[in-house]
Amino acid sequence: MVQMDGMKAFLKATEQHSEPVCGIFSSDYTVYVFVMNSASNRWQIQKRYSEFLMFHNKLERKMDYSLLEALPELPPKSTFGTLSPSLINYRKKHLEQYLSALVQQHTLVQTADVMEWLEVPDENAGMISDGEPQGW
């Protein structure tokens, strides 16, 4: 089991992706790549903005409000310009703040829903080893 004490998250990169829609069009989106550190492990997760929204909505339905009040608000949805550099930069900042606040909530981070969403690996799962986060 991964030790969850002192867990930290930092944004490593963003990636642009495209998926076909109706065989003719494509839908472009951004994936945010985070490096997660716990006392016993280190791993990467990749999440779209929409995954953050669905996850937070799930937490709001299942968890007591007092557990969620320390989490910052997610950036608002945007229908157009989802690949604009300014929107991506805005979301990068706020999604990293959200994830950092989430992993500091010890009661939340130990729930099955949160551990699954964070893709917490088994103790023997492979860890990433591409250098230490800057500033740590």
N, C-alpha and C. Protein backbone atom coordinates (compact mmCIF):
# COMPACT_ATOMS: atom_id res chain seq x y z
N MET A 1 0.85 -1.19 0.00
CA MET A 1 0.00 0.00 0.00
C MET A 1 0.88 1.24 0.00
N VAL A 2 0.53 2.20 -0.81
CA VAL A 2 1.28 3.45 -0.89
C VAL A 2 1.00 4.27 0.37
N GLN A 3 2.06 4.79 0.98
CA GLN A 3 1.88 5.68 2.13
C GLN A 3 1.43 7.03 1.62
N MET A 4 0.30 7.52 2.10
CA MET A 4 -0.31 8.73 1.57
C MET A 4 0.16 9.99 2.29
N ASP A 5 0.91 9.86 3.38
CA ASP A 5 1.37 11.03 4.11
C ASP A 5 2.29 11.87 3.23
N GLY A 6 2.11 13.18 3.29
CA GLY A 6 2.98 14.09 2.57
C GLY A 6 2.86 14.00 1.07
N MET A 7 1.73 13.56 0.56
CA MET A 7 1.56 13.45 -0.88
C MET A 7 1.60 14.84 -1.51
N LYS A 8 2.23 14.92 -2.67
CA LYS A 8 2.32 16.17 -3.40
C LYS A 8 2.03 15.91 -4.87
N ALA A 9 1.62 16.97 -5.55
CA ALA A 9 1.33 16.89 -6.98
C ALA A 9 1.91 18.12 -7.65
N PHE A 10 2.47 17.93 -8.84
CA PHE A 10 2.87 19.09 -9.62
C PHE A 10 2.60 18.83 -11.09
N LEU A 11 2.30 19.89 -11.80
CA LEU A 11 2.01 19.80 -13.22
C LEU A 11 3.31 19.66 -13.98
N LYS A 12 3.42 18.62 -14.75
CA LYS A 12 4.63 18.36 -15.53
C LYS A 12 4.53 18.94 -16.93
N ALA A 13 3.37 18.75 -17.58
CA ALA A 13 3.24 19.15 -18.98
C ALA A 13 1.77 19.18 -19.38
N THR A 14 1.54 19.73 -20.55
CA THR A 14 0.24 19.61 -21.20
C THR A 14 0.48 19.00 -22.57
N GLU A 15 -0.51 18.26 -23.04
CA GLU A 15 -0.42 17.63 -24.35
C GLU A 15 -1.71 17.91 -25.11
N GLN A 16 -1.59 18.19 -26.38
CA GLN A 16 -2.75 18.40 -27.24
C GLN A 16 -3.10 17.08 -27.92
N HIS A 17 -4.38 16.74 -27.89
CA HIS A 17 -4.87 15.52 -28.51
C HIS A 17 -6.06 15.83 -29.40
N SER A 18 -6.38 14.89 -30.26
CA SER A 18 -7.53 15.02 -31.14
C SER A 18 -8.21 13.67 -31.25
N GLU A 19 -9.55 13.69 -31.26
CA GLU A 19 -10.28 12.45 -31.43
C GLU A 19 -11.33 12.65 -32.50
N PRO A 20 -11.56 11.62 -33.33
CA PRO A 20 -12.55 11.75 -34.40
C PRO A 20 -13.97 11.86 -33.84
N VAL A 21 -14.76 12.67 -34.52
CA VAL A 21 -16.17 12.85 -34.17
C VAL A 21 -16.97 12.64 -35.45
N CYS A 22 -17.85 11.67 -35.46
CA CYS A 22 -18.72 11.37 -36.61
C CYS A 22 -17.93 11.02 -37.87
N GLY A 23 -16.68 10.60 -37.72
CA GLY A 23 -15.90 10.16 -38.86
C GLY A 23 -15.38 11.26 -39.77
N ILE A 24 -15.91 12.47 -39.64
CA ILE A 24 -15.51 13.57 -40.54
C ILE A 24 -14.75 14.64 -39.78
N PHE A 25 -15.23 14.98 -38.62
CA PHE A 25 -14.66 16.06 -37.84
C PHE A 25 -13.75 15.49 -36.75
N SER A 26 -13.03 16.40 -36.13
CA SER A 26 -12.23 15.97 -34.97
C SER A 26 -12.46 16.95 -33.83
N SER A 27 -12.30 16.44 -32.64
CA SER A 27 -12.43 17.25 -31.44
C SER A 27 -11.06 17.34 -30.78
N ASP A 28 -10.55 18.54 -30.65
CA ASP A 28 -9.24 18.76 -30.04
C ASP A 28 -9.41 19.04 -28.55
N TYR A 29 -8.47 18.56 -27.75
CA TYR A 29 -8.53 18.78 -26.31
C TYR A 29 -7.13 18.75 -25.73
N THR A 30 -7.03 19.19 -24.50
CA THR A 30 -5.76 19.25 -23.78
C THR A 30 -5.76 18.22 -22.67
N VAL A 31 -4.65 17.54 -22.52
CA VAL A 31 -4.44 16.62 -21.41
C VAL A 31 -3.39 17.25 -20.50
N TYR A 32 -3.67 17.26 -19.21
CA TYR A 32 -2.76 17.81 -18.21
C TYR A 32 -2.04 16.64 -17.54
N VAL A 33 -0.72 16.66 -17.57
CA VAL A 33 0.10 15.57 -17.04
C VAL A 33 0.67 16.02 -15.70
N PHE A 34 0.34 15.27 -14.66
CA PHE A 34 0.79 15.57 -13.31
C PHE A 34 1.72 14.47 -12.81
N VAL A 35 2.70 14.86 -12.02
CA VAL A 35 3.53 13.91 -11.30
C VAL A 35 3.06 13.93 -9.86
N MET A 36 2.81 12.74 -9.35
CA MET A 36 2.34 12.57 -7.98
C MET A 36 3.48 11.96 -7.16
N ASN A 37 3.68 12.49 -5.96
CA ASN A 37 4.69 11.97 -5.04
C ASN A 37 4.03 11.65 -3.71
N SER A 38 4.31 10.45 -3.21
CA SER A 38 3.89 10.09 -1.86
C SER A 38 5.15 9.70 -1.10
N ALA A 39 4.99 9.35 0.15
CA ALA A 39 6.15 8.96 0.95
C ALA A 39 6.82 7.71 0.40
N SER A 40 6.08 6.88 -0.32
CA SER A 40 6.63 5.60 -0.76
C SER A 40 6.62 5.39 -2.27
N ASN A 41 6.13 6.36 -3.04
CA ASN A 41 5.98 6.10 -4.47
C ASN A 41 5.92 7.39 -5.25
N ARG A 42 6.08 7.26 -6.57
CA ARG A 42 5.99 8.40 -7.49
C ARG A 42 5.40 7.88 -8.80
N TRP A 43 4.42 8.61 -9.34
CA TRP A 43 3.77 8.17 -10.56
C TRP A 43 3.19 9.37 -11.29
N GLN A 44 2.77 9.15 -12.53
CA GLN A 44 2.16 10.18 -13.36
C GLN A 44 0.69 9.88 -13.56
N ILE A 45 -0.09 10.94 -13.65
CA ILE A 45 -1.48 10.80 -14.08
C ILE A 45 -1.73 11.80 -15.20
N GLN A 46 -2.64 11.47 -16.07
CA GLN A 46 -3.03 12.35 -17.16
C GLN A 46 -4.53 12.54 -17.11
N LYS A 47 -4.96 13.80 -17.05
CA LYS A 47 -6.38 14.09 -16.92
C LYS A 47 -6.77 15.23 -17.85
N ARG A 48 -7.95 15.10 -18.42
CA ARG A 48 -8.56 16.19 -19.16
C ARG A 48 -9.31 17.08 -18.16
N TYR A 49 -9.56 18.30 -18.57
CA TYR A 49 -10.33 19.22 -17.73
C TYR A 49 -11.69 18.61 -17.40
N SER A 50 -12.33 17.99 -18.38
CA SER A 50 -13.65 17.40 -18.16
C SER A 50 -13.60 16.29 -17.10
N GLU A 51 -12.48 15.61 -16.98
CA GLU A 51 -12.35 14.58 -15.95
C GLU A 51 -12.30 15.19 -14.56
N PHE A 52 -11.66 16.36 -14.44
CA PHE A 52 -11.67 17.07 -13.16
C PHE A 52 -13.11 17.45 -12.79
N LEU A 53 -13.87 17.96 -13.76
CA LEU A 53 -15.26 18.35 -13.48
C LEU A 53 -16.10 17.15 -13.04
N MET A 54 -16.01 16.05 -13.76
CA MET A 54 -16.80 14.86 -13.41
C MET A 54 -16.40 14.33 -12.03
N PHE A 55 -15.10 14.32 -11.77
CA PHE A 55 -14.61 13.85 -10.47
C PHE A 55 -15.12 14.74 -9.34
N HIS A 56 -15.03 16.05 -9.50
CA HIS A 56 -15.48 16.95 -8.44
C HIS A 56 -16.99 16.81 -8.23
N ASN A 57 -17.74 16.68 -9.31
CA ASN A 57 -19.19 16.48 -9.18
C ASN A 57 -19.49 15.18 -8.42
N LYS A 58 -18.72 14.15 -8.67
CA LYS A 58 -18.89 12.87 -7.96
C LYS A 58 -18.61 13.07 -6.47
N LEU A 59 -17.53 13.80 -6.15
CA LEU A 59 -17.23 14.06 -4.74
C LEU A 59 -18.35 14.84 -4.08
N GLU A 60 -18.90 15.82 -4.77
CA GLU A 60 -19.99 16.62 -4.20
C GLU A 60 -21.21 15.76 -3.90
N ARG A 61 -21.48 14.76 -4.72
CA ARG A 61 -22.62 13.87 -4.51
C ARG A 61 -22.38 12.89 -3.36
N LYS A 62 -21.12 12.45 -3.19
CA LYS A 62 -20.84 11.36 -2.27
C LYS A 62 -20.26 11.77 -0.92
N MET A 63 -19.60 12.93 -0.86
CA MET A 63 -18.86 13.30 0.34
C MET A 63 -19.57 14.41 1.12
N ASP A 64 -19.27 14.46 2.38
CA ASP A 64 -19.76 15.53 3.23
C ASP A 64 -19.13 16.85 2.80
N TYR A 65 -19.93 17.90 2.76
CA TYR A 65 -19.44 19.21 2.32
C TYR A 65 -18.23 19.67 3.11
N SER A 66 -18.18 19.37 4.40
CA SER A 66 -17.06 19.82 5.23
C SER A 66 -15.72 19.27 4.74
N LEU A 67 -15.74 18.13 4.06
CA LEU A 67 -14.51 17.56 3.52
C LEU A 67 -14.07 18.26 2.24
N LEU A 68 -15.01 18.92 1.58
CA LEU A 68 -14.71 19.53 0.28
C LEU A 68 -14.46 21.03 0.35
N GLU A 69 -14.80 21.66 1.46
CA GLU A 69 -14.72 23.12 1.51
C GLU A 69 -13.30 23.66 1.40
N ALA A 70 -12.28 22.85 1.65
CA ALA A 70 -10.90 23.31 1.52
C ALA A 70 -10.40 23.25 0.06
N LEU A 71 -11.17 22.63 -0.81
CA LEU A 71 -10.76 22.54 -2.21
C LEU A 71 -11.10 23.84 -2.94
N PRO A 72 -10.16 24.37 -3.72
CA PRO A 72 -10.48 25.57 -4.49
C PRO A 72 -11.47 25.24 -5.60
N GLU A 73 -12.13 26.27 -6.09
CA GLU A 73 -13.06 26.07 -7.21
C GLU A 73 -12.28 25.72 -8.46
N LEU A 74 -12.87 24.88 -9.27
CA LEU A 74 -12.28 24.59 -10.57
C LEU A 74 -12.52 25.76 -11.51
N PRO A 75 -11.66 25.94 -12.50
CA PRO A 75 -11.91 27.01 -13.46
C PRO A 75 -13.23 26.77 -14.19
N PRO A 76 -13.89 27.83 -14.62
CA PRO A 76 -15.18 27.66 -15.29
C PRO A 76 -15.03 26.97 -16.65
N LYS A 77 -16.13 26.33 -17.07
CA LYS A 77 -16.15 25.69 -18.39
C LYS A 77 -16.08 26.75 -19.48
N SER A 78 -15.56 26.34 -20.63
CA SER A 78 -15.50 27.23 -21.79
C SER A 78 -15.95 26.43 -23.00
N THR A 79 -16.89 26.97 -23.74
CA THR A 79 -17.40 26.27 -24.91
C THR A 79 -16.49 26.46 -26.11
N PHE A 80 -15.94 27.66 -26.25
CA PHE A 80 -15.11 27.96 -27.41
C PHE A 80 -13.70 28.30 -26.96
N GLY A 81 -12.75 28.10 -27.85
CA GLY A 81 -11.37 28.48 -27.56
C GLY A 81 -10.70 27.62 -26.51
N THR A 82 -11.09 26.33 -26.44
CA THR A 82 -10.55 25.48 -25.38
C THR A 82 -9.07 25.18 -25.58
N LEU A 83 -8.52 25.50 -26.74
CA LEU A 83 -7.10 25.28 -26.98
C LEU A 83 -6.30 26.58 -26.96
N SER A 84 -6.94 27.67 -26.58
CA SER A 84 -6.21 28.94 -26.56
C SER A 84 -5.14 28.89 -25.47
N PRO A 85 -3.96 29.39 -25.77
CA PRO A 85 -2.88 29.36 -24.78
C PRO A 85 -3.25 30.03 -23.45
N SER A 86 -4.01 31.12 -23.51
CA SER A 86 -4.37 31.79 -22.25
C SER A 86 -5.30 30.93 -21.41
N LEU A 87 -6.26 30.24 -22.03
CA LEU A 87 -7.15 29.37 -21.27
C LEU A 87 -6.39 28.16 -20.72
N ILE A 88 -5.52 27.59 -21.52
CA ILE A 88 -4.73 26.45 -21.05
C ILE A 88 -3.86 26.86 -19.87
N ASN A 89 -3.21 28.01 -19.95
CA ASN A 89 -2.38 28.48 -18.83
C ASN A 89 -3.21 28.74 -17.59
N TYR A 90 -4.38 29.33 -17.77
CA TYR A 90 -5.29 29.58 -16.64
C TYR A 90 -5.69 28.26 -15.98
N ARG A 91 -6.07 27.30 -16.81
CA ARG A 91 -6.47 26.00 -16.27
C ARG A 91 -5.30 25.28 -15.62
N LYS A 92 -4.11 25.35 -16.21
CA LYS A 92 -2.93 24.70 -15.62
C LYS A 92 -2.75 25.16 -14.18
N LYS A 93 -2.79 26.46 -13.99
CA LYS A 93 -2.58 27.02 -12.66
C LYS A 93 -3.64 26.52 -11.68
N HIS A 94 -4.90 26.60 -12.09
CA HIS A 94 -6.00 26.26 -11.19
C HIS A 94 -6.17 24.76 -10.98
N LEU A 95 -5.89 23.96 -11.99
CA LEU A 95 -5.97 22.51 -11.81
C LEU A 95 -4.86 22.01 -10.90
N GLU A 96 -3.69 22.61 -11.01
CA GLU A 96 -2.59 22.22 -10.11
C GLU A 96 -2.92 22.61 -8.67
N GLN A 97 -3.52 23.80 -8.48
CA GLN A 97 -3.93 24.21 -7.14
C GLN A 97 -4.98 23.26 -6.57
N TYR A 98 -5.93 22.87 -7.40
CA TYR A 98 -6.99 21.95 -6.98
C TYR A 98 -6.39 20.61 -6.56
N LEU A 99 -5.53 20.06 -7.41
CA LEU A 99 -4.95 18.76 -7.12
C LEU A 99 -4.05 18.82 -5.89
N SER A 100 -3.30 19.89 -5.74
CA SER A 100 -2.45 20.04 -4.56
C SER A 100 -3.28 20.12 -3.29
N ALA A 101 -4.38 20.85 -3.34
CA ALA A 101 -5.27 20.94 -2.17
C ALA A 101 -5.92 19.59 -1.88
N LEU A 102 -6.30 18.87 -2.93
CA LEU A 102 -6.94 17.56 -2.76
C LEU A 102 -6.02 16.60 -2.02
N VAL A 103 -4.76 16.52 -2.43
CA VAL A 103 -3.87 15.53 -1.82
C VAL A 103 -3.47 15.90 -0.40
N GLN A 104 -3.76 17.13 0.01
CA GLN A 104 -3.50 17.53 1.39
C GLN A 104 -4.66 17.21 2.32
N GLN A 105 -5.79 16.80 1.77
CA GLN A 105 -6.97 16.43 2.55
C GLN A 105 -6.89 14.94 2.87
N HIS A 106 -6.27 14.62 4.01
CA HIS A 106 -5.96 13.23 4.34
C HIS A 106 -7.19 12.32 4.38
N THR A 107 -8.29 12.82 4.87
CA THR A 107 -9.51 12.00 4.92
C THR A 107 -9.99 11.69 3.51
N LEU A 108 -9.98 12.68 2.64
CA LEU A 108 -10.43 12.47 1.26
C LEU A 108 -9.49 11.57 0.49
N VAL A 109 -8.21 11.84 0.59
CA VAL A 109 -7.23 11.15 -0.26
C VAL A 109 -7.17 9.66 0.06
N GLN A 110 -7.67 9.24 1.18
CA GLN A 110 -7.64 7.83 1.53
C GLN A 110 -8.92 7.09 1.14
N THR A 111 -9.87 7.79 0.53
CA THR A 111 -11.09 7.12 0.08
C THR A 111 -10.83 6.38 -1.22
N ALA A 112 -11.59 5.34 -1.46
CA ALA A 112 -11.41 4.53 -2.67
C ALA A 112 -11.62 5.37 -3.94
N ASP A 113 -12.62 6.26 -3.92
CA ASP A 113 -12.90 7.08 -5.11
C ASP A 113 -11.71 7.97 -5.47
N VAL A 114 -11.12 8.59 -4.47
CA VAL A 114 -10.00 9.50 -4.72
C VAL A 114 -8.76 8.71 -5.11
N MET A 115 -8.50 7.63 -4.42
CA MET A 115 -7.32 6.82 -4.77
C MET A 115 -7.42 6.27 -6.18
N GLU A 116 -8.62 5.88 -6.57
CA GLU A 116 -8.81 5.38 -7.94
C GLU A 116 -8.59 6.50 -8.95
N TRP A 117 -9.16 7.69 -8.69
CA TRP A 117 -9.02 8.80 -9.63
C TRP A 117 -7.57 9.26 -9.73
N LEU A 118 -6.85 9.21 -8.62
CA LEU A 118 -5.43 9.58 -8.62
C LEU A 118 -4.54 8.47 -9.17
N GLU A 119 -5.15 7.32 -9.47
CA GLU A 119 -4.43 6.19 -10.03
C GLU A 119 -3.26 5.78 -9.14
N VAL A 120 -3.52 5.75 -7.83
CA VAL A 120 -2.48 5.40 -6.87
C VAL A 120 -2.04 3.97 -7.16
N PRO A 121 -0.75 3.78 -7.42
CA PRO A 121 -0.28 2.44 -7.78
C PRO A 121 -0.13 1.54 -6.56
N ASP A 122 -0.13 0.25 -6.83
CA ASP A 122 0.23 -0.71 -5.79
C ASP A 122 1.70 -0.48 -5.45
N GLU A 123 2.09 -0.91 -4.28
CA GLU A 123 3.47 -0.70 -3.82
C GLU A 123 4.50 -1.24 -4.80
N ASN A 124 4.19 -2.33 -5.47
CA ASN A 124 5.15 -2.95 -6.38
C ASN A 124 5.02 -2.48 -7.82
N ALA A 125 4.11 -1.57 -8.09
CA ALA A 125 3.94 -1.07 -9.45
C ALA A 125 5.13 -0.21 -9.83
N GLY A 126 5.35 -0.09 -11.13
CA GLY A 126 6.49 0.71 -11.61
C GLY A 126 6.32 2.18 -11.28
N MET A 127 7.41 2.80 -10.89
CA MET A 127 7.40 4.22 -10.59
C MET A 127 8.12 4.95 -11.70
N ILE A 128 7.83 6.21 -11.88
CA ILE A 128 8.57 7.02 -12.84
C ILE A 128 9.83 7.52 -12.15
N SER A 129 10.84 7.78 -12.91
CA SER A 129 12.10 8.24 -12.32
C SER A 129 12.77 9.25 -13.25
N ASP A 130 12.04 10.25 -13.66
CA ASP A 130 12.59 11.21 -14.61
C ASP A 130 13.00 12.52 -13.93
N GLY A 131 13.60 12.45 -12.75
CA GLY A 131 14.09 13.65 -12.08
C GLY A 131 13.13 14.16 -11.03
N GLU A 132 13.63 14.96 -10.14
CA GLU A 132 12.84 15.52 -9.06
C GLU A 132 12.06 16.73 -9.54
N PRO A 133 10.91 16.99 -8.96
CA PRO A 133 10.17 18.20 -9.28
C PRO A 133 11.01 19.42 -8.97
N GLN A 134 10.87 20.42 -9.78
CA GLN A 134 11.62 21.66 -9.54
C GLN A 134 11.13 22.30 -8.26
N GLY A 135 12.07 22.81 -7.48
CA GLY A 135 11.72 23.53 -6.27
C GLY A 135 11.45 22.65 -5.07
N TRP A 136 11.61 21.32 -5.20
CA TRP A 136 11.36 20.43 -4.08
C TRP A 136 12.65 19.86 -3.57
